[in-house]
Amino acid sequence: MEQTLPYLWDAFNANIDWVIVILVIASGYFQSAYLKDLNFADALKTLLVSFVASGVYLVLSGDLTDKEALAKYFFSYFIATSLYEILLKSWTKKLIGDQKNKL
């Protein structure tokens, strides 16, 4: 039983690119701060901004032809959006407060 948790973490961590996770989460905060005036859903704006930021990262890393790396990036995107929706969104509201209600 002691070996199960580290093994699961290692297997999980091996399939995530943390740079992509950080880029996606940062893109969400960027769009909420600077793209308020666009009449699109927040999720769509985050998708577009994170697509551009991640695309630049992918081009610079040179992994565009590696299918395993592309699958890893795809999985990392979903981990980042889930992490934000489940944990970071509520923590941010608690720490900073809900800015939409103050306006």
C-alpha atoms as a PDB file:
ATOM      1  CA  MET A   1       0.000   0.000   0.000  1.00  0.00           C
ATOM      2  CA  GLU A   2       2.867   2.371   0.738  1.00  0.00           C
ATOM      3  CA  GLN A   3       4.166   2.017  -2.815  1.00  0.00           C
ATOM      4  CA  THR A   4       0.822   2.654  -4.531  1.00  0.00           C
ATOM      5  CA  LEU A   5       0.538   6.402  -3.985  1.00  0.00           C
ATOM      6  CA  PRO A   6       4.047   7.305  -5.194  1.00  0.00           C
ATOM      7  CA  TYR A   7       3.578   5.014  -8.186  1.00  0.00           C
ATOM      8  CA  LEU A   8       0.271   6.693  -9.099  1.00  0.00           C
ATOM      9  CA  TRP A   9       1.795  10.143  -8.681  1.00  0.00           C
ATOM     10  CA  ASP A  10       4.768   9.223 -10.869  1.00  0.00           C
ATOM     11  CA  ALA A  11       2.492   7.807 -13.571  1.00  0.00           C
ATOM     12  CA  PHE A  12       0.241  10.889 -13.408  1.00  0.00           C
ATOM     13  CA  ASN A  13       3.150  13.327 -13.359  1.00  0.00           C
ATOM     14  CA  ALA A  14       4.854  11.628 -16.318  1.00  0.00           C
ATOM     15  CA  ASN A  15       1.846  12.435 -18.516  1.00  0.00           C
ATOM     16  CA  ILE A  16       1.495  16.109 -17.659  1.00  0.00           C
ATOM     17  CA  ASP A  17       3.451  19.057 -18.992  1.00  0.00           C
ATOM     18  CA  TRP A  18       3.346  21.549 -16.130  1.00  0.00           C
ATOM     19  CA  VAL A  19       4.330  24.425 -18.415  1.00  0.00           C
ATOM     20  CA  ILE A  20       1.107  23.892 -20.372  1.00  0.00           C
ATOM     21  CA  VAL A  21      -0.871  23.735 -17.125  1.00  0.00           C
ATOM     22  CA  ILE A  22       0.606  27.047 -15.977  1.00  0.00           C
ATOM     23  CA  LEU A  23       0.050  28.643 -19.395  1.00  0.00           C
ATOM     24  CA  VAL A  24      -3.609  27.622 -19.462  1.00  0.00           C
ATOM     25  CA  ILE A  25      -4.284  28.845 -15.934  1.00  0.00           C
ATOM     26  CA  ALA A  26      -2.422  32.105 -16.600  1.00  0.00           C
ATOM     27  CA  SER A  27      -4.427  32.524 -19.817  1.00  0.00           C
ATOM     28  CA  GLY A  28      -7.633  32.302 -17.807  1.00  0.00           C
ATOM     29  CA  TYR A  29      -6.502  35.056 -15.476  1.00  0.00           C
ATOM     30  CA  PHE A  30      -5.229  37.127 -18.429  1.00  0.00           C
ATOM     31  CA  GLN A  31      -8.527  36.941 -20.298  1.00  0.00           C
ATOM     32  CA  SER A  32     -10.531  37.828 -17.183  1.00  0.00           C
ATOM     33  CA  ALA A  33      -8.367  40.892 -16.602  1.00  0.00           C
ATOM     34  CA  TYR A  34      -7.812  42.184 -20.132  1.00  0.00           C
ATOM     35  CA  LEU A  35     -10.521  40.772 -22.405  1.00  0.00           C
ATOM     36  CA  LYS A  36     -13.624  41.817 -20.450  1.00  0.00           C
ATOM     37  CA  ASP A  37     -15.050  43.819 -23.348  1.00  0.00           C
ATOM     38  CA  LEU A  38     -15.214  40.921 -25.814  1.00  0.00           C
ATOM     39  CA  ASN A  39     -18.685  39.427 -26.077  1.00  0.00           C
ATOM     40  CA  PHE A  40     -17.651  35.783 -25.859  1.00  0.00           C
ATOM     41  CA  ALA A  41     -17.974  33.249 -23.083  1.00  0.00           C
ATOM     42  CA  ASP A  42     -15.080  33.241 -20.618  1.00  0.00           C
ATOM     43  CA  ALA A  43     -14.317  29.606 -21.423  1.00  0.00           C
ATOM     44  CA  LEU A  44     -13.977  30.415 -25.123  1.00  0.00           C
ATOM     45  CA  LYS A  45     -11.694  33.383 -24.440  1.00  0.00           C
ATOM     46  CA  THR A  46      -9.534  31.201 -22.192  1.00  0.00           C
ATOM     47  CA  LEU A  47      -9.402  28.526 -24.885  1.00  0.00           C
ATOM     48  CA  LEU A  48      -8.282  31.031 -27.518  1.00  0.00           C
ATOM     49  CA  VAL A  49      -5.649  32.732 -25.359  1.00  0.00           C
ATOM     50  CA  SER A  50      -4.284  29.439 -24.046  1.00  0.00           C
ATOM     51  CA  PHE A  51      -4.229  28.038 -27.599  1.00  0.00           C
ATOM     52  CA  VAL A  52      -2.037  30.923 -28.744  1.00  0.00           C
ATOM     53  CA  ALA A  53       0.248  30.800 -25.694  1.00  0.00           C
ATOM     54  CA  SER A  54       0.569  27.007 -25.832  1.00  0.00           C
ATOM     55  CA  GLY A  55       1.117  27.120 -29.588  1.00  0.00           C
ATOM     56  CA  VAL A  56       4.065  29.440 -29.129  1.00  0.00           C
ATOM     57  CA  TYR A  57       5.445  27.107 -26.470  1.00  0.00           C
ATOM     58  CA  LEU A  58       4.991  24.072 -28.723  1.00  0.00           C
ATOM     59  CA  VAL A  59       6.759  25.742 -31.627  1.00  0.00           C
ATOM     60  CA  LEU A  60       9.650  26.824 -29.422  1.00  0.00           C
ATOM     61  CA  SER A  61       9.962  23.380 -27.822  1.00  0.00           C
ATOM     62  CA  GLY A  62      10.005  21.638 -31.200  1.00  0.00           C
ATOM     63  CA  ASP A  63       7.656  18.820 -30.167  1.00  0.00           C
ATOM     64  CA  LEU A  64       5.091  19.350 -32.918  1.00  0.00           C
ATOM     65  CA  THR A  65       5.847  16.067 -34.661  1.00  0.00           C
ATOM     66  CA  ASP A  66       5.961  13.897 -31.537  1.00  0.00           C
ATOM     67  CA  LYS A  67       2.488  12.347 -31.133  1.00  0.00           C
ATOM     68  CA  GLU A  68       3.189  11.299 -27.554  1.00  0.00           C
ATOM     69  CA  ALA A  69       4.086  14.865 -26.635  1.00  0.00           C
ATOM     70  CA  LEU A  70       0.945  16.208 -28.325  1.00  0.00           C
ATOM     71  CA  ALA A  71      -1.187  13.761 -26.331  1.00  0.00           C
ATOM     72  CA  LYS A  72       0.605  14.904 -23.192  1.00  0.00           C
ATOM     73  CA  TYR A  73      -0.182  18.545 -24.023  1.00  0.00           C
ATOM     74  CA  PHE A  74      -3.824  17.689 -24.711  1.00  0.00           C
ATOM     75  CA  PHE A  75      -4.111  15.882 -21.359  1.00  0.00           C
ATOM     76  CA  SER A  76      -2.350  18.777 -19.619  1.00  0.00           C
ATOM     77  CA  TYR A  77      -4.924  21.232 -20.989  1.00  0.00           C
ATOM     78  CA  PHE A  78      -7.786  19.242 -19.490  1.00  0.00           C
ATOM     79  CA  ILE A  79      -5.977  18.861 -16.182  1.00  0.00           C
ATOM     80  CA  ALA A  80      -5.404  22.633 -16.066  1.00  0.00           C
ATOM     81  CA  THR A  81      -9.027  23.526 -16.786  1.00  0.00           C
ATOM     82  CA  SER A  82     -10.267  20.989 -14.247  1.00  0.00           C
ATOM     83  CA  LEU A  83      -7.775  22.160 -11.642  1.00  0.00           C
ATOM     84  CA  TYR A  84      -8.929  25.725 -12.153  1.00  0.00           C
ATOM     85  CA  GLU A  85     -12.649  24.901 -11.993  1.00  0.00           C
ATOM     86  CA  ILE A  86     -12.382  22.614  -8.986  1.00  0.00           C
ATOM     87  CA  LEU A  87      -9.797  24.357  -6.800  1.00  0.00           C
ATOM     88  CA  LEU A  88      -8.371  27.641  -7.983  1.00  0.00           C
ATOM     89  CA  LYS A  89     -11.628  29.398  -8.875  1.00  0.00           C
ATOM     90  CA  SER A  90     -13.069  29.047  -5.374  1.00  0.00           C
ATOM     91  CA  TRP A  91      -9.748  29.845  -3.683  1.00  0.00           C
ATOM     92  CA  THR A  92      -9.326  32.975  -5.780  1.00  0.00           C
ATOM     93  CA  LYS A  93     -12.838  34.159  -4.921  1.00  0.00           C
ATOM     94  CA  LYS A  94     -12.164  33.597  -1.235  1.00  0.00           C
ATOM     95  CA  LEU A  95      -8.828  35.424  -1.285  1.00  0.00           C
ATOM     96  CA  ILE A  96      -9.643  38.297  -3.648  1.00  0.00           C
ATOM     97  CA  GLY A  97     -13.417  38.360  -3.560  1.00  0.00           C
ATOM     98  CA  ASP A  98     -15.876  38.245  -6.409  1.00  0.00           C
ATOM     99  CA  GLN A  99     -14.985  41.272  -8.558  1.00  0.00           C
ATOM    100  CA  LYS A 100     -18.090  40.949 -10.755  1.00  0.00           C
ATOM    101  CA  ASN A 101     -20.379  41.640  -7.803  1.00  0.00           C
ATOM    102  CA  LYS A 102     -18.417  44.756  -6.852  1.00  0.00           C
ATOM    103  CA  LEU A 103     -18.851  46.433 -10.235  1.00  0.00           C
END
